[in-house]
Amino acid sequence: MTIDLKTVKHIAKLARISIKEKEAKKLAGDLNSIFKFIEKLNKLNTDKVEPLTSIAETTLQLRKDEVKSKNIRDQILKNSPAKNKDFFVVPKVVE
């Protein structure tokens, strides 16, 4: 898969970012090299490779799931910037 200048400009428009012609050319080259590397990775045979959750071969220690602090609502809510009886009050961010 190759990315041309027209595709880079289209992606920039969808992302609502402005890029100059020089930046678009560099970005097209960078994206093409990334896609070439991905194609190399896709050719690897990983049939006998087990999935990893971590590179360290350790197991997590299990513990009981128990509540250690009870009735601390007032202590938590005193950190709220606006006063409310039961909830944190935050400014509206979505209209």
PDB file of N, CA and C in Angstrom:
ATOM      1  N   MET A   1       0.846  -1.173   0.000  1.00  0.00           N
ATOM      2  CA  MET A   1       0.000   0.000   0.000  1.00  0.00           C
ATOM      3  C   MET A   1       0.894   1.239   0.000  1.00  0.00           C
ATOM      4  N   THR A   2       0.583   2.175  -0.846  1.00  0.00           N
ATOM      5  CA  THR A   2       1.345   3.422  -0.872  1.00  0.00           C
ATOM      6  C   THR A   2       0.401   4.593  -0.642  1.00  0.00           C
ATOM      7  N   ILE A   3       0.935   5.580   0.028  1.00  0.00           N
ATOM      8  CA  ILE A   3       0.185   6.794   0.338  1.00  0.00           C
ATOM      9  C   ILE A   3       0.720   7.908  -0.544  1.00  0.00           C
ATOM     10  N   ASP A   4      -0.159   8.525  -1.310  1.00  0.00           N
ATOM     11  CA  ASP A   4       0.277   9.631  -2.155  1.00  0.00           C
ATOM     12  C   ASP A   4      -0.062  10.964  -1.481  1.00  0.00           C
ATOM     13  N   LEU A   5       0.353  12.044  -2.115  1.00  0.00           N
ATOM     14  CA  LEU A   5       0.174  13.376  -1.552  1.00  0.00           C
ATOM     15  C   LEU A   5      -1.307  13.725  -1.409  1.00  0.00           C
ATOM     16  N   LYS A   6      -2.113  13.293  -2.352  1.00  0.00           N
ATOM     17  CA  LYS A   6      -3.554  13.570  -2.303  1.00  0.00           C
ATOM     18  C   LYS A   6      -4.189  12.901  -1.085  1.00  0.00           C
ATOM     19  N   THR A   7      -3.778  11.677  -0.792  1.00  0.00           N
ATOM     20  CA  THR A   7      -4.313  10.958   0.363  1.00  0.00           C
ATOM     21  C   THR A   7      -3.897  11.627   1.669  1.00  0.00           C
ATOM     22  N   VAL A   8      -2.657  12.071   1.738  1.00  0.00           N
ATOM     23  CA  VAL A   8      -2.178  12.763   2.945  1.00  0.00           C
ATOM     24  C   VAL A   8      -2.987  14.033   3.182  1.00  0.00           C
ATOM     25  N   LYS A   9      -3.239  14.784   2.128  1.00  0.00           N
ATOM     26  CA  LYS A   9      -4.027  16.016   2.277  1.00  0.00           C
ATOM     27  C   LYS A   9      -5.461  15.699   2.692  1.00  0.00           C
ATOM     28  N   HIS A  10      -6.007  14.617   2.163  1.00  0.00           N
ATOM     29  CA  HIS A  10      -7.362  14.210   2.535  1.00  0.00           C
ATOM     30  C   HIS A  10      -7.416  13.808   4.011  1.00  0.00           C
ATOM     31  N   ILE A  11      -6.434  13.059   4.463  1.00  0.00           N
ATOM     32  CA  ILE A  11      -6.367  12.661   5.875  1.00  0.00           C
ATOM     33  C   ILE A  11      -6.234  13.890   6.768  1.00  0.00           C
ATOM     34  N   ALA A  12      -5.401  14.845   6.354  1.00  0.00           N
ATOM     35  CA  ALA A  12      -5.229  16.074   7.132  1.00  0.00           C
ATOM     36  C   ALA A  12      -6.546  16.844   7.218  1.00  0.00           C
ATOM     37  N   LYS A  13      -7.288  16.860   6.113  1.00  0.00           N
ATOM     38  CA  LYS A  13      -8.580  17.556   6.112  1.00  0.00           C
ATOM     39  C   LYS A  13      -9.558  16.861   7.058  1.00  0.00           C
ATOM     40  N   LEU A  14      -9.587  15.521   7.020  1.00  0.00           N
ATOM     41  CA  LEU A  14     -10.474  14.781   7.921  1.00  0.00           C
ATOM     42  C   LEU A  14     -10.102  15.002   9.377  1.00  0.00           C
ATOM     43  N   ALA A  15      -8.800  15.114   9.641  1.00  0.00           N
ATOM     44  CA  ALA A  15      -8.320  15.328  11.013  1.00  0.00           C
ATOM     45  C   ALA A  15      -8.391  16.798  11.419  1.00  0.00           C
ATOM     46  N   ARG A  16      -8.794  17.638  10.478  1.00  0.00           N
ATOM     47  CA  ARG A  16      -8.905  19.079  10.702  1.00  0.00           C
ATOM     48  C   ARG A  16      -7.580  19.688  11.158  1.00  0.00           C
ATOM     49  N   ILE A  17      -6.521  19.296  10.461  1.00  0.00           N
ATOM     50  CA  ILE A  17      -5.214  19.908  10.712  1.00  0.00           C
ATOM     51  C   ILE A  17      -4.715  20.508   9.408  1.00  0.00           C
ATOM     52  N   SER A  18      -3.990  21.583   9.522  1.00  0.00           N
ATOM     53  CA  SER A  18      -3.444  22.206   8.320  1.00  0.00           C
ATOM     54  C   SER A  18      -1.969  21.826   8.218  1.00  0.00           C
ATOM     55  N   ILE A  19      -1.583  21.396   7.035  1.00  0.00           N
ATOM     56  CA  ILE A  19      -0.183  21.061   6.788  1.00  0.00           C
ATOM     57  C   ILE A  19       0.254  21.725   5.501  1.00  0.00           C
ATOM     58  N   LYS A  20       1.515  22.106   5.479  1.00  0.00           N
ATOM     59  CA  LYS A  20       2.080  22.735   4.280  1.00  0.00           C
ATOM     60  C   LYS A  20       2.498  21.653   3.300  1.00  0.00           C
ATOM     61  N   GLU A  21       2.758  22.070   2.074  1.00  0.00           N
ATOM     62  CA  GLU A  21       3.127  21.136   1.008  1.00  0.00           C
ATOM     63  C   GLU A  21       4.374  20.334   1.374  1.00  0.00           C
ATOM     64  N   LYS A  22       5.374  21.009   1.928  1.00  0.00           N
ATOM     65  CA  LYS A  22       6.626  20.340   2.306  1.00  0.00           C
ATOM     66  C   LYS A  22       6.376  19.298   3.398  1.00  0.00           C
ATOM     67  N   GLU A  23       5.560  19.678   4.390  1.00  0.00           N
ATOM     68  CA  GLU A  23       5.230  18.745   5.474  1.00  0.00           C
ATOM     69  C   GLU A  23       4.442  17.546   4.948  1.00  0.00           C
ATOM     70  N   ALA A  24       3.543  17.802   3.992  1.00  0.00           N
ATOM     71  CA  ALA A  24       2.732  16.725   3.425  1.00  0.00           C
ATOM     72  C   ALA A  24       3.616  15.722   2.686  1.00  0.00           C
ATOM     73  N   LYS A  25       4.610  16.200   1.969  1.00  0.00           N
ATOM     74  CA  LYS A  25       5.526  15.298   1.251  1.00  0.00           C
ATOM     75  C   LYS A  25       6.315  14.443   2.236  1.00  0.00           C
ATOM     76  N   LYS A  26       6.815  15.074   3.303  1.00  0.00           N
ATOM     77  CA  LYS A  26       7.565  14.325   4.313  1.00  0.00           C
ATOM     78  C   LYS A  26       6.656  13.305   5.005  1.00  0.00           C
ATOM     79  N   LEU A  27       5.445  13.716   5.309  1.00  0.00           N
ATOM     80  CA  LEU A  27       4.498  12.829   5.969  1.00  0.00           C
ATOM     81  C   LEU A  27       4.146  11.637   5.074  1.00  0.00           C
ATOM     82  N   ALA A  28       3.993  11.876   3.782  1.00  0.00           N
ATOM     83  CA  ALA A  28       3.706  10.787   2.846  1.00  0.00           C
ATOM     84  C   ALA A  28       4.849   9.772   2.850  1.00  0.00           C
ATOM     85  N   GLY A  29       6.079  10.264   2.853  1.00  0.00           N
ATOM     86  CA  GLY A  29       7.239   9.370   2.911  1.00  0.00           C
ATOM     87  C   GLY A  29       7.286   8.578   4.205  1.00  0.00           C
ATOM     88  N   ASP A  30       7.012   9.254   5.309  1.00  0.00           N
ATOM     89  CA  ASP A  30       7.010   8.581   6.615  1.00  0.00           C
ATOM     90  C   ASP A  30       5.923   7.508   6.682  1.00  0.00           C
ATOM     91  N   LEU A  31       4.731   7.852   6.210  1.00  0.00           N
ATOM     92  CA  LEU A  31       3.634   6.882   6.239  1.00  0.00           C
ATOM     93  C   LEU A  31       3.929   5.679   5.346  1.00  0.00           C
ATOM     94  N   ASN A  32       4.541   5.926   4.193  1.00  0.00           N
ATOM     95  CA  ASN A  32       4.892   4.818   3.296  1.00  0.00           C
ATOM     96  C   ASN A  32       5.910   3.886   3.941  1.00  0.00           C
ATOM     97  N   SER A  33       6.892   4.446   4.649  1.00  0.00           N
ATOM     98  CA  SER A  33       7.875   3.578   5.309  1.00  0.00           C
ATOM     99  C   SER A  33       7.227   2.788   6.452  1.00  0.00           C
ATOM    100  N   ILE A  34       6.273   3.391   7.146  1.00  0.00           N
ATOM    101  CA  ILE A  34       5.554   2.678   8.205  1.00  0.00           C
ATOM    102  C   ILE A  34       4.757   1.528   7.617  1.00  0.00           C
ATOM    103  N   PHE A  35       4.057   1.785   6.509  1.00  0.00           N
ATOM    104  CA  PHE A  35       3.261   0.725   5.887  1.00  0.00           C
ATOM    105  C   PHE A  35       4.137  -0.392   5.320  1.00  0.00           C
ATOM    106  N   LYS A  36       5.320  -0.059   4.825  1.00  0.00           N
ATOM    107  CA  LYS A  36       6.246  -1.101   4.346  1.00  0.00           C
ATOM    108  C   LYS A  36       6.675  -1.995   5.511  1.00  0.00           C
ATOM    109  N   PHE A  37       6.940  -1.388   6.662  1.00  0.00           N
ATOM    110  CA  PHE A  37       7.324  -2.167   7.833  1.00  0.00           C
ATOM    111  C   PHE A  37       6.176  -3.064   8.296  1.00  0.00           C
ATOM    112  N   ILE A  38       4.956  -2.536   8.254  1.00  0.00           N
ATOM    113  CA  ILE A  38       3.785  -3.337   8.636  1.00  0.00           C
ATOM    114  C   ILE A  38       3.627  -4.524   7.692  1.00  0.00           C
ATOM    115  N   GLU A  39       3.863  -4.304   6.408  1.00  0.00           N
ATOM    116  CA  GLU A  39       3.774  -5.401   5.442  1.00  0.00           C
ATOM    117  C   GLU A  39       4.816  -6.476   5.737  1.00  0.00           C
ATOM    118  N   LYS A  40       6.018  -6.059   6.153  1.00  0.00           N
ATOM    119  CA  LYS A  40       7.052  -7.032   6.546  1.00  0.00           C
ATOM    120  C   LYS A  40       6.580  -7.848   7.752  1.00  0.00           C
ATOM    121  N   LEU A  41       5.994  -7.167   8.731  1.00  0.00           N
ATOM    122  CA  LEU A  41       5.510  -7.853   9.920  1.00  0.00           C
ATOM    123  C   LEU A  41       4.387  -8.831   9.579  1.00  0.00           C
ATOM    124  N   ASN A  42       3.535  -8.467   8.640  1.00  0.00           N
ATOM    125  CA  ASN A  42       2.431  -9.346   8.253  1.00  0.00           C
ATOM    126  C   ASN A  42       2.926 -10.624   7.584  1.00  0.00           C
ATOM    127  N   LYS A  43       4.123 -10.609   7.002  1.00  0.00           N
ATOM    128  CA  LYS A  43       4.672 -11.790   6.329  1.00  0.00           C
ATOM    129  C   LYS A  43       5.275 -12.793   7.316  1.00  0.00           C
ATOM    130  N   LEU A  44       5.504 -12.372   8.553  1.00  0.00           N
ATOM    131  CA  LEU A  44       6.095 -13.266   9.541  1.00  0.00           C
ATOM    132  C   LEU A  44       5.145 -14.395   9.902  1.00  0.00           C
ATOM    133  N   ASN A  45       5.700 -15.583  10.087  1.00  0.00           N
ATOM    134  CA  ASN A  45       4.908 -16.735  10.511  1.00  0.00           C
ATOM    135  C   ASN A  45       4.860 -16.758  12.040  1.00  0.00           C
ATOM    136  N   THR A  46       3.692 -16.512  12.577  1.00  0.00           N
ATOM    137  CA  THR A  46       3.532 -16.467  14.037  1.00  0.00           C
ATOM    138  C   THR A  46       2.599 -17.566  14.529  1.00  0.00           C
ATOM    139  N   ASP A  47       2.484 -18.656  13.759  1.00  0.00           N
ATOM    140  CA  ASP A  47       1.558 -19.730  14.123  1.00  0.00           C
ATOM    141  C   ASP A  47       1.900 -20.373  15.468  1.00  0.00           C
ATOM    142  N   LYS A  48       3.169 -20.556  15.751  1.00  0.00           N
ATOM    143  CA  LYS A  48       3.567 -21.256  16.980  1.00  0.00           C
ATOM    144  C   LYS A  48       4.010 -20.300  18.094  1.00  0.00           C
ATOM    145  N   VAL A  49       3.669 -19.030  17.959  1.00  0.00           N
ATOM    146  CA  VAL A  49       4.061 -18.033  18.955  1.00  0.00           C
ATOM    147  C   VAL A  49       2.867 -17.750  19.857  1.00  0.00           C
ATOM    148  N   GLU A  50       3.084 -17.924  21.149  1.00  0.00           N
ATOM    149  CA  GLU A  50       2.029 -17.666  22.128  1.00  0.00           C
ATOM    150  C   GLU A  50       1.906 -16.156  22.367  1.00  0.00           C
ATOM    151  N   PRO A  51       0.700 -15.657  22.531  1.00  0.00           N
ATOM    152  CA  PRO A  51       0.537 -14.231  22.825  1.00  0.00           C
ATOM    153  C   PRO A  51       1.117 -13.877  24.192  1.00  0.00           C
ATOM    154  N   LEU A  52       1.648 -12.671  24.304  1.00  0.00           N
ATOM    155  CA  LEU A  52       2.244 -12.201  25.554  1.00  0.00           C
ATOM    156  C   LEU A  52       1.356 -11.154  26.208  1.00  0.00           C
ATOM    157  N   THR A  53       1.309 -11.172  27.503  1.00  0.00           N
ATOM    158  CA  THR A  53       0.697 -10.067  28.227  1.00  0.00           C
ATOM    159  C   THR A  53       1.778  -9.193  28.855  1.00  0.00           C
ATOM    160  N   SER A  54       2.968  -9.759  28.977  1.00  0.00           N
ATOM    161  CA  SER A  54       4.100  -9.030  29.536  1.00  0.00           C
ATOM    162  C   SER A  54       5.379  -9.750  29.123  1.00  0.00           C
ATOM    163  N   ILE A  55       6.483  -9.017  29.045  1.00  0.00           N
ATOM    164  CA  ILE A  55       7.743  -9.668  28.714  1.00  0.00           C
ATOM    165  C   ILE A  55       8.364 -10.340  29.939  1.00  0.00           C
ATOM    166  N   ALA A  56       7.899  -9.940  31.118  1.00  0.00           N
ATOM    167  CA  ALA A  56       8.383 -10.572  32.343  1.00  0.00           C
ATOM    168  C   ALA A  56       7.547 -11.811  32.615  1.00  0.00           C
ATOM    169  N   GLU A  57       8.197 -12.915  32.852  1.00  0.00           N
ATOM    170  CA  GLU A  57       7.472 -14.162  33.089  1.00  0.00           C
ATOM    171  C   GLU A  57       7.146 -14.323  34.568  1.00  0.00           C
ATOM    172  N   THR A  58       6.309 -13.443  35.067  1.00  0.00           N
ATOM    173  CA  THR A  58       5.868 -13.524  36.450  1.00  0.00           C
ATOM    174  C   THR A  58       4.346 -13.581  36.479  1.00  0.00           C
ATOM    175  N   THR A  59       3.832 -14.138  37.540  1.00  0.00           N
ATOM    176  CA  THR A  59       2.381 -14.160  37.704  1.00  0.00           C
ATOM    177  C   THR A  59       1.993 -13.150  38.767  1.00  0.00           C
ATOM    178  N   LEU A  60       0.822 -12.585  38.597  1.00  0.00           N
ATOM    179  CA  LEU A  60       0.350 -11.602  39.561  1.00  0.00           C
ATOM    180  C   LEU A  60      -0.091 -12.296  40.838  1.00  0.00           C
ATOM    181  N   GLN A  61       0.210 -11.659  41.942  1.00  0.00           N
ATOM    182  CA  GLN A  61      -0.241 -12.200  43.213  1.00  0.00           C
ATOM    183  C   GLN A  61      -1.698 -11.809  43.422  1.00  0.00           C
ATOM    184  N   LEU A  62      -2.502 -12.774  43.775  1.00  0.00           N
ATOM    185  CA  LEU A  62      -3.915 -12.516  44.006  1.00  0.00           C
ATOM    186  C   LEU A  62      -4.138 -12.079  45.442  1.00  0.00           C
ATOM    187  N   ARG A  63      -5.136 -11.251  45.625  1.00  0.00           N
ATOM    188  CA  ARG A  63      -5.501 -10.820  46.969  1.00  0.00           C
ATOM    189  C   ARG A  63      -7.008 -10.774  47.068  1.00  0.00           C
ATOM    190  N   LYS A  64      -7.506 -10.744  48.273  1.00  0.00           N
ATOM    191  CA  LYS A  64      -8.944 -10.657  48.477  1.00  0.00           C
ATOM    192  C   LYS A  64      -9.432  -9.283  48.036  1.00  0.00           C
ATOM    193  N   ASP A  65     -10.602  -9.271  47.438  1.00  0.00           N
ATOM    194  CA  ASP A  65     -11.227  -8.022  47.034  1.00  0.00           C
ATOM    195  C   ASP A  65     -12.124  -7.555  48.169  1.00  0.00           C
ATOM    196  N   GLU A  66     -11.585  -6.667  48.992  1.00  0.00           N
ATOM    197  CA  GLU A  66     -12.346  -6.224  50.158  1.00  0.00           C
ATOM    198  C   GLU A  66     -12.242  -4.712  50.310  1.00  0.00           C
ATOM    199  N   VAL A  67     -13.275  -4.140  50.870  1.00  0.00           N
ATOM    200  CA  VAL A  67     -13.326  -2.702  51.109  1.00  0.00           C
ATOM    201  C   VAL A  67     -12.530  -2.391  52.370  1.00  0.00           C
ATOM    202  N   LYS A  68     -11.587  -1.461  52.254  1.00  0.00           N
ATOM    203  CA  LYS A  68     -10.770  -1.116  53.418  1.00  0.00           C
ATOM    204  C   LYS A  68     -11.191   0.216  54.036  1.00  0.00           C
ATOM    205  N   SER A  69     -11.783   1.090  53.224  1.00  0.00           N
ATOM    206  CA  SER A  69     -12.232   2.382  53.737  1.00  0.00           C
ATOM    207  C   SER A  69     -13.736   2.491  53.541  1.00  0.00           C
ATOM    208  N   LYS A  70     -14.433   2.794  54.589  1.00  0.00           N
ATOM    209  CA  LYS A  70     -15.885   2.909  54.504  1.00  0.00           C
ATOM    210  C   LYS A  70     -16.296   4.330  54.850  1.00  0.00           C
ATOM    211  N   ASN A  71     -17.372   4.757  54.213  1.00  0.00           N
ATOM    212  CA  ASN A  71     -17.977   6.058  54.509  1.00  0.00           C
ATOM    213  C   ASN A  71     -16.970   7.209  54.427  1.00  0.00           C
ATOM    214  N   ILE A  72     -16.291   7.312  53.320  1.00  0.00           N
ATOM    215  CA  ILE A  72     -15.326   8.407  53.151  1.00  0.00           C
ATOM    216  C   ILE A  72     -15.804   9.401  52.090  1.00  0.00           C
ATOM    217  N   ARG A  73     -17.097   9.363  51.780  1.00  0.00           N
ATOM    218  CA  ARG A  73     -17.649  10.258  50.761  1.00  0.00           C
ATOM    219  C   ARG A  73     -17.352  11.718  51.070  1.00  0.00           C
ATOM    220  N   ASP A  74     -17.558  12.140  52.293  1.00  0.00           N
ATOM    221  CA  ASP A  74     -17.337  13.543  52.652  1.00  0.00           C
ATOM    222  C   ASP A  74     -15.882  13.941  52.483  1.00  0.00           C
ATOM    223  N   GLN A  75     -14.964  13.071  52.834  1.00  0.00           N
ATOM    224  CA  GLN A  75     -13.539  13.364  52.664  1.00  0.00           C
ATOM    225  C   GLN A  75     -13.186  13.523  51.188  1.00  0.00           C
ATOM    226  N   ILE A  76     -13.780  12.688  50.349  1.00  0.00           N
ATOM    227  CA  ILE A  76     -13.503  12.765  48.912  1.00  0.00           C
ATOM    228  C   ILE A  76     -14.133  14.016  48.313  1.00  0.00           C
ATOM    229  N   LEU A  77     -15.380  14.300  48.673  1.00  0.00           N
ATOM    230  CA  LEU A  77     -16.093  15.424  48.073  1.00  0.00           C
ATOM    231  C   LEU A  77     -15.571  16.781  48.525  1.00  0.00           C
ATOM    232  N   LYS A  78     -14.814  16.837  49.600  1.00  0.00           N
ATOM    233  CA  LYS A  78     -14.269  18.135  50.010  1.00  0.00           C
ATOM    234  C   LYS A  78     -13.190  18.605  49.026  1.00  0.00           C
ATOM    235  N   ASN A  79     -12.692  17.702  48.162  1.00  0.00           N
ATOM    236  CA  ASN A  79     -11.727  18.076  47.132  1.00  0.00           C
ATOM    237  C   ASN A  79     -12.392  18.619  45.874  1.00  0.00           C
ATOM    238  N   SER A  80     -13.709  18.562  45.811  1.00  0.00           N
ATOM    239  CA  SER A  80     -14.436  19.029  44.643  1.00  0.00           C
ATOM    240  C   SER A  80     -14.339  20.548  44.539  1.00  0.00           C
ATOM    241  N   PRO A  81     -14.110  21.085  43.331  1.00  0.00           N
ATOM    242  CA  PRO A  81     -13.993  22.540  43.195  1.00  0.00           C
ATOM    243  C   PRO A  81     -15.309  23.269  43.458  1.00  0.00           C
ATOM    244  N   ALA A  82     -16.442  22.624  43.178  1.00  0.00           N
ATOM    245  CA  ALA A  82     -17.746  23.229  43.454  1.00  0.00           C
ATOM    246  C   ALA A  82     -18.453  22.382  44.506  1.00  0.00           C
ATOM    247  N   LYS A  83     -19.169  23.039  45.371  1.00  0.00           N
ATOM    248  CA  LYS A  83     -19.825  22.319  46.468  1.00  0.00           C
ATOM    249  C   LYS A  83     -21.108  21.654  45.983  1.00  0.00           C
ATOM    250  N   ASN A  84     -21.252  20.391  46.298  1.00  0.00           N
ATOM    251  CA  ASN A  84     -22.450  19.621  46.003  1.00  0.00           C
ATOM    252  C   ASN A  84     -22.525  18.523  47.041  1.00  0.00           C
ATOM    253  N   LYS A  85     -23.726  18.119  47.364  1.00  0.00           N
ATOM    254  CA  LYS A  85     -23.911  17.151  48.436  1.00  0.00           C
ATOM    255  C   LYS A  85     -23.407  15.749  48.101  1.00  0.00           C
ATOM    256  N   ASP A  86     -23.655  15.307  46.865  1.00  0.00           N
ATOM    257  CA  ASP A  86     -23.368  13.907  46.544  1.00  0.00           C
ATOM    258  C   ASP A  86     -22.396  13.679  45.387  1.00  0.00           C
ATOM    259  N   PHE A  87     -22.096  14.702  44.580  1.00  0.00           N
ATOM    260  CA  PHE A  87     -21.325  14.484  43.363  1.00  0.00           C
ATOM    261  C   PHE A  87     -20.252  15.540  43.175  1.00  0.00           C
ATOM    262  N   PHE A  88     -19.262  15.204  42.343  1.00  0.00           N
ATOM    263  CA  PHE A  88     -18.306  16.190  41.875  1.00  0.00           C
ATOM    264  C   PHE A  88     -19.004  17.046  40.829  1.00  0.00           C
ATOM    265  N   VAL A  89     -18.808  18.337  40.868  1.00  0.00           N
ATOM    266  CA  VAL A  89     -19.369  19.230  39.863  1.00  0.00           C
ATOM    267  C   VAL A  89     -18.207  19.701  38.994  1.00  0.00           C
ATOM    268  N   VAL A  90     -18.324  19.458  37.708  1.00  0.00           N
ATOM    269  CA  VAL A  90     -17.255  19.831  36.775  1.00  0.00           C
ATOM    270  C   VAL A  90     -17.852  20.720  35.692  1.00  0.00           C
ATOM    271  N   PRO A  91     -17.030  21.550  35.045  1.00  0.00           N
ATOM    272  CA  PRO A  91     -17.544  22.389  33.976  1.00  0.00           C
ATOM    273  C   PRO A  91     -18.000  21.556  32.782  1.00  0.00           C
ATOM    274  N   LYS A  92     -19.000  22.056  32.085  1.00  0.00           N
ATOM    275  CA  LYS A  92     -19.524  21.373  30.908  1.00  0.00           C
ATOM    276  C   LYS A  92     -18.491  21.470  29.785  1.00  0.00           C
ATOM    277  N   VAL A  93     -18.174  20.339  29.156  1.00  0.00           N
ATOM    278  CA  VAL A  93     -17.177  20.348  28.089  1.00  0.00           C
ATOM    279  C   VAL A  93     -17.767  19.992  26.732  1.00  0.00           C
ATOM    280  N   VAL A  94     -18.970  19.437  26.700  1.00  0.00           N
ATOM    281  CA  VAL A  94     -19.627  19.074  25.454  1.00  0.00           C
ATOM    282  C   VAL A  94     -20.936  19.829  25.360  1.00  0.00           C
ATOM    283  N   GLU A  95     -21.162  20.433  24.226  1.00  0.00           N
ATOM    284  CA  GLU A  95     -22.424  21.161  24.047  1.00  0.00           C
ATOM    285  C   GLU A  95     -23.392  20.370  23.240  1.00  0.00           C
TER     286      GLU A  95
END
